[in-house]
Amino acid sequence: MQAIMITSTGNTKVRRIAAYMEKSKARREDDVFIVEGIRMNAEIPQEKILETYVSESFLHKMQQSEKQYLMALANGYETVTDEVFRKMSDTQSPQGILSVVRQTHSDLVHILDQDNPMLLLLEDVQDPGNLGTMFRSAEGAGVNGILMSRGTADVYNPKVVRSTMGAIFRMPFMYVDSIPETMGQLRKKGICTYAAHLQGKKSYDEMDYTKPCAFLIGNEGNGLSREAAEAADNYILIPMLGKVESMNAGTSAAILTFEAARQRRTAH
């Protein structure tokens, strides 16, 4: 913890944090990302926290539990003025605390080395809020890992991080070069792939997900690519009433994974 408060928005550390907030390249090059807010900071594994910054007003208003959290930080924390914190923050109404966190790296062998795995395969999912929500619902449904195409939004985008509500620290994930090739690897491991597709003939709740399975979700606007769709073992359909033709990608992922969770729960 430094005794001197950072008061200049031109400070090197401040500009570096702002770059991490705005640029995926900067985050990728330094293998870090930013976590804002006291609740999200409390979710971070301590060994991954590299730096923590708090605003002047946060220090004045913090509760006893927040004070204890700061005092327990192995690397301490630095204080900045409210103006400087606004420069560093990605939110309109900053809570006054953020940390620089080391990125996580999973590999396919680790993700597939699970007992009766349930996975999500995401192809070019673009909306940050959508992606973050998928992480959150996936954790709730018991998904063992999320595999994403390179065209999927950056999971370390501040909006994605916030939307995960902490699931980003607990859900194994990785980007893959080819979704169809990855599906081939899953098949060799005995994992059956299900594509949410308008050409599906069977309703999603007519299939058996009690065995190793993976759900393939496509881009919000364009759906799945032809190559990815053709690589799937099964097409499934989420039947709908009314005049809507398709379901939001995040909602589809939640419906499918929670149906699998229900089946697995009742099968025991």
Protein backbone atom coordinates (compact mmCIF):
# COMPACT_ATOMS: atom_id res chain seq x y z
CA MET A 1 0.00 0.00 0.00
CA GLN A 2 1.41 3.39 -0.99
CA ALA A 3 1.09 6.37 1.28
CA ILE A 4 1.01 8.79 -1.67
CA MET A 5 -2.30 9.14 -3.48
CA ILE A 6 -2.30 9.12 -7.30
CA THR A 7 -3.81 12.44 -8.38
CA SER A 8 -2.95 12.70 -12.09
CA THR A 9 -4.90 11.09 -14.91
CA GLY A 10 -1.64 11.15 -16.87
CA ASN A 11 0.04 8.81 -14.39
CA THR A 12 1.63 5.82 -16.12
CA LYS A 13 -0.32 3.31 -14.03
CA VAL A 14 -3.60 5.08 -14.72
CA ARG A 15 -3.02 5.11 -18.46
CA ARG A 16 -2.08 1.43 -18.38
CA ILE A 17 -5.29 0.51 -16.53
CA ALA A 18 -7.33 2.55 -19.02
CA ALA A 19 -5.64 0.67 -21.87
CA TYR A 20 -6.52 -2.68 -20.27
CA MET A 21 -10.12 -1.55 -20.02
CA GLU A 22 -10.36 -0.49 -23.65
CA LYS A 23 -8.05 -2.75 -25.65
CA SER A 24 -8.07 -6.53 -25.85
CA LYS A 25 -4.58 -6.38 -27.39
CA ALA A 26 -3.18 -4.68 -24.28
CA ARG A 27 -4.84 -7.25 -22.03
CA ARG A 28 -3.58 -10.11 -24.17
CA GLU A 29 0.00 -8.82 -24.36
CA ASP A 30 0.28 -8.47 -20.57
CA ASP A 31 -1.89 -11.53 -19.84
CA VAL A 32 -4.18 -9.58 -17.49
CA PHE A 33 -7.68 -8.16 -17.20
CA ILE A 34 -9.57 -5.73 -14.97
CA VAL A 35 -12.17 -6.58 -12.34
CA GLU A 36 -14.33 -3.76 -10.96
CA GLY A 37 -16.62 -3.58 -7.92
CA ILE A 38 -16.34 -4.91 -4.38
CA ARG A 39 -18.54 -7.95 -4.96
CA MET A 40 -16.59 -9.08 -8.02
CA ASN A 41 -13.26 -8.35 -6.34
CA ALA A 42 -14.25 -10.60 -3.46
CA GLU A 43 -14.70 -13.44 -5.99
CA ILE A 44 -11.12 -13.23 -7.30
CA PRO A 45 -8.76 -15.99 -6.19
CA GLN A 46 -6.17 -14.12 -4.12
CA GLU A 47 -3.21 -15.57 -6.00
CA LYS A 48 -4.45 -14.00 -9.25
CA ILE A 49 -4.63 -10.41 -7.94
CA LEU A 50 -1.66 -8.36 -9.15
CA GLU A 51 -2.70 -4.80 -8.21
CA THR A 52 -5.69 -3.16 -6.52
CA TYR A 53 -6.77 0.49 -6.71
CA VAL A 54 -9.41 2.24 -4.62
CA SER A 55 -10.88 5.73 -4.87
CA GLU A 56 -10.63 8.32 -2.14
CA SER A 57 -14.40 8.28 -1.56
CA PHE A 58 -14.41 4.46 -1.34
CA LEU A 59 -11.97 4.65 1.56
CA HIS A 60 -14.16 7.18 3.35
CA LYS A 61 -17.40 5.22 2.89
CA MET A 62 -16.24 1.62 3.14
CA GLN A 63 -17.81 -0.74 5.62
CA GLN A 64 -15.91 -2.91 8.07
CA SER A 65 -16.09 -5.97 5.80
CA GLU A 66 -14.60 -3.97 2.92
CA LYS A 67 -11.84 -2.64 5.18
CA GLN A 68 -11.01 -6.20 6.22
CA TYR A 69 -10.91 -7.24 2.57
CA LEU A 70 -8.40 -4.50 1.70
CA MET A 71 -6.22 -5.27 4.71
CA ALA A 72 -6.08 -8.94 3.69
CA LEU A 73 -4.75 -8.23 0.18
CA ALA A 74 -1.30 -9.77 -0.17
CA ASN A 75 -0.15 -7.03 -2.57
CA GLY A 76 -1.85 -4.20 -0.71
CA TYR A 77 -3.64 -1.44 -2.59
CA GLU A 78 -3.13 2.04 -3.95
CA THR A 79 -5.39 5.05 -3.52
CA VAL A 80 -6.43 7.41 -6.33
CA THR A 81 -8.63 10.49 -6.43
CA ASP A 82 -12.23 10.09 -7.58
CA GLU A 83 -11.40 11.89 -10.83
CA VAL A 84 -8.53 9.51 -11.54
CA PHE A 85 -10.69 6.49 -10.71
CA ARG A 86 -13.33 7.64 -13.20
CA LYS A 87 -10.57 7.72 -15.83
CA MET A 88 -9.63 4.14 -14.97
CA SER A 89 -13.19 2.81 -14.70
CA ASP A 90 -15.42 1.31 -17.37
CA THR A 91 -18.69 2.06 -15.54
CA GLN A 92 -20.77 5.24 -15.36
CA SER A 93 -21.11 5.05 -11.57
CA PRO A 94 -17.89 3.41 -10.32
CA GLN A 95 -17.97 1.67 -6.95
CA GLY A 96 -14.41 2.78 -6.32
CA ILE A 97 -12.41 -0.44 -6.38
CA LEU A 98 -10.75 -2.36 -9.19
CA SER A 99 -7.99 -4.92 -9.54
CA VAL A 100 -5.56 -6.04 -12.21
CA VAL A 101 -5.92 -9.81 -12.41
CA ARG A 102 -3.87 -12.50 -14.09
CA GLN A 103 -5.68 -14.29 -16.93
CA THR A 104 -6.58 -17.98 -16.67
CA HIS A 105 -5.48 -20.58 -19.23
CA SER A 106 -7.20 -23.94 -19.60
CA ASP A 107 -6.42 -26.67 -22.10
CA LEU A 108 -8.73 -29.06 -23.92
CA VAL A 109 -7.30 -32.13 -22.18
CA HIS A 110 -8.18 -30.65 -18.77
CA ILE A 111 -11.67 -29.62 -19.88
CA LEU A 112 -12.44 -33.02 -21.40
CA ASP A 113 -10.97 -34.94 -18.47
CA GLN A 114 -14.22 -34.77 -16.51
CA ASP A 115 -16.64 -37.37 -15.27
CA ASN A 116 -19.60 -37.36 -17.65
CA PRO A 117 -18.92 -33.86 -19.02
CA MET A 118 -21.49 -31.33 -20.19
CA LEU A 119 -19.98 -28.60 -22.39
CA LEU A 120 -20.97 -25.46 -24.25
CA LEU A 121 -19.59 -24.77 -27.73
CA LEU A 122 -19.98 -21.14 -28.79
CA GLU A 123 -19.46 -20.03 -32.38
CA ASP A 124 -18.97 -16.30 -32.93
CA VAL A 125 -21.17 -15.13 -30.05
CA GLN A 126 -20.66 -11.36 -30.21
CA ASP A 127 -22.65 -9.60 -27.50
CA PRO A 128 -20.57 -9.15 -24.31
CA GLY A 129 -23.60 -9.25 -22.02
CA ASN A 130 -24.84 -12.38 -23.75
CA LEU A 131 -21.49 -14.12 -23.34
CA GLY A 132 -21.20 -13.18 -19.68
CA THR A 133 -24.73 -14.40 -19.00
CA MET A 134 -23.86 -17.72 -20.66
CA PHE A 135 -20.98 -18.17 -18.24
CA ARG A 136 -23.24 -17.42 -15.31
CA SER A 137 -26.06 -19.75 -16.35
CA ALA A 138 -23.59 -22.45 -17.41
CA GLU A 139 -22.12 -22.54 -13.93
CA GLY A 140 -25.62 -22.76 -12.47
CA ALA A 141 -26.49 -25.69 -14.74
CA GLY A 142 -23.32 -27.61 -13.94
CA VAL A 143 -21.52 -27.14 -17.26
CA ASN A 144 -17.92 -28.40 -17.06
CA GLY A 145 -16.37 -26.12 -19.65
CA ILE A 146 -16.97 -23.59 -22.42
CA LEU A 147 -15.20 -23.81 -25.78
CA MET A 148 -15.36 -20.72 -28.00
CA SER A 149 -14.44 -19.90 -31.58
CA ARG A 150 -11.86 -17.17 -32.17
CA GLY A 151 -14.70 -15.02 -33.51
CA THR A 152 -16.43 -15.01 -30.13
CA ALA A 153 -16.28 -11.83 -28.04
CA ASP A 154 -13.30 -11.37 -25.73
CA VAL A 155 -14.18 -13.00 -22.43
CA TYR A 156 -11.98 -10.43 -20.67
CA ASN A 157 -13.97 -7.48 -22.00
CA PRO A 158 -15.05 -5.57 -18.85
CA LYS A 159 -18.73 -5.95 -19.80
CA VAL A 160 -18.34 -9.72 -20.13
CA VAL A 161 -16.47 -9.95 -16.83
CA ARG A 162 -19.23 -8.04 -15.01
CA SER A 163 -21.98 -10.14 -16.58
CA THR A 164 -20.41 -13.41 -15.42
CA MET A 165 -21.01 -12.40 -11.78
CA GLY A 166 -17.87 -14.30 -10.75
CA ALA A 167 -18.37 -17.40 -12.92
CA ILE A 168 -15.33 -16.39 -14.99
CA PHE A 169 -13.15 -17.43 -12.04
CA ARG A 170 -14.71 -20.87 -11.74
CA MET A 171 -15.74 -21.97 -15.23
CA PRO A 172 -13.00 -23.61 -17.34
CA PHE A 173 -12.93 -22.09 -20.83
CA MET A 174 -10.74 -21.70 -23.87
CA TYR A 175 -10.76 -20.43 -27.44
CA VAL A 176 -10.30 -22.97 -30.24
CA ASP A 177 -9.15 -22.49 -33.82
CA SER A 178 -11.93 -24.58 -35.35
CA ILE A 179 -15.29 -25.50 -33.83
CA PRO A 180 -15.89 -28.35 -36.38
CA GLU A 181 -12.44 -29.85 -35.67
CA THR A 182 -13.02 -29.55 -31.94
CA MET A 183 -16.34 -31.36 -32.33
CA GLY A 184 -14.42 -34.17 -34.00
CA GLN A 185 -12.18 -34.37 -30.93
CA LEU A 186 -15.24 -34.47 -28.69
CA ARG A 187 -16.69 -37.31 -30.75
CA LYS A 188 -13.53 -39.36 -30.23
CA LYS A 189 -14.04 -38.87 -26.49
CA GLY A 190 -17.61 -40.16 -26.72
CA ILE A 191 -19.18 -36.71 -26.25
CA CYS A 192 -22.35 -36.27 -28.30
CA THR A 193 -22.89 -32.80 -29.79
CA TYR A 194 -26.30 -31.14 -30.10
CA ALA A 195 -26.85 -28.09 -32.29
CA ALA A 196 -29.70 -25.71 -31.53
CA HIS A 197 -30.98 -25.42 -35.10
CA LEU A 198 -34.19 -24.42 -36.87
CA GLN A 199 -33.94 -27.59 -38.98
CA GLY A 200 -34.12 -29.75 -35.89
CA LYS A 201 -36.84 -32.40 -36.01
CA LYS A 202 -36.88 -33.31 -32.35
CA SER A 203 -37.70 -31.03 -29.46
CA TYR A 204 -34.81 -30.39 -27.10
CA ASP A 205 -36.63 -32.14 -24.24
CA GLU A 206 -37.03 -35.39 -26.20
CA MET A 207 -33.29 -36.16 -26.18
CA ASP A 208 -31.17 -37.92 -23.55
CA TYR A 209 -28.46 -35.68 -22.05
CA THR A 210 -27.53 -37.93 -19.12
CA LYS A 211 -24.41 -39.08 -20.99
CA PRO A 212 -21.44 -36.89 -22.06
CA CYS A 213 -22.83 -34.06 -24.21
CA ALA A 214 -22.07 -30.66 -25.68
CA PHE A 215 -24.46 -27.95 -26.86
CA LEU A 216 -23.55 -25.86 -29.88
CA ILE A 217 -24.78 -22.25 -29.92
CA GLY A 218 -24.25 -19.93 -32.88
CA ASN A 219 -23.97 -16.23 -33.59
CA GLU A 220 -26.87 -14.04 -32.44
CA GLY A 221 -27.71 -12.79 -35.93
CA ASN A 222 -26.47 -15.48 -38.31
CA GLY A 223 -26.78 -18.64 -36.27
CA LEU A 224 -24.33 -21.47 -36.87
CA SER A 225 -22.01 -21.69 -39.84
CA ARG A 226 -22.78 -24.48 -42.29
CA GLU A 227 -19.53 -26.27 -41.37
CA ALA A 228 -20.28 -26.24 -37.65
CA ALA A 229 -23.91 -27.29 -38.11
CA GLU A 230 -22.93 -30.21 -40.37
CA ALA A 231 -20.39 -31.42 -37.80
CA ALA A 232 -23.03 -31.80 -35.08
CA ASP A 233 -24.34 -35.25 -34.17
CA ASN A 234 -27.92 -34.02 -33.65
CA TYR A 235 -30.12 -31.03 -34.42
CA ILE A 236 -32.53 -30.05 -31.69
CA LEU A 237 -35.35 -27.54 -31.72
CA ILE A 238 -36.72 -25.31 -29.01
CA PRO A 239 -40.45 -25.18 -29.92
CA MET A 240 -42.08 -21.78 -29.51
CA LEU A 241 -45.56 -20.36 -29.54
CA GLY A 242 -46.50 -16.93 -30.85
CA LYS A 243 -44.83 -15.34 -33.86
CA VAL A 244 -41.19 -15.33 -32.80
CA GLU A 245 -38.94 -17.49 -34.97
CA SER A 246 -35.82 -17.87 -32.87
CA MET A 247 -34.54 -17.62 -29.33
CA ASN A 248 -31.83 -15.36 -27.92
CA ALA A 249 -28.50 -17.24 -27.92
CA GLY A 250 -27.99 -16.83 -24.17
CA THR A 251 -31.55 -17.95 -23.42
CA SER A 252 -31.13 -20.99 -25.70
CA ALA A 253 -27.95 -22.01 -23.92
CA ALA A 254 -29.65 -21.73 -20.53
CA ILE A 255 -32.72 -23.72 -21.62
CA LEU A 256 -30.63 -26.58 -23.04
CA THR A 257 -28.12 -26.85 -20.21
CA PHE A 258 -30.75 -26.66 -17.48
CA GLU A 259 -32.75 -29.39 -19.23
CA ALA A 260 -29.60 -31.52 -19.18
CA ALA A 261 -29.12 -30.66 -15.51
CA ARG A 262 -32.74 -31.67 -14.77
CA GLN A 263 -32.31 -35.01 -16.53
CA ARG A 264 -29.05 -35.75 -14.75
CA ARG A 265 -30.55 -34.81 -11.40
CA THR A 266 -33.58 -37.07 -11.82
CA ALA A 267 -31.50 -39.93 -13.24
CA HIS A 268 -29.72 -40.43 -9.91
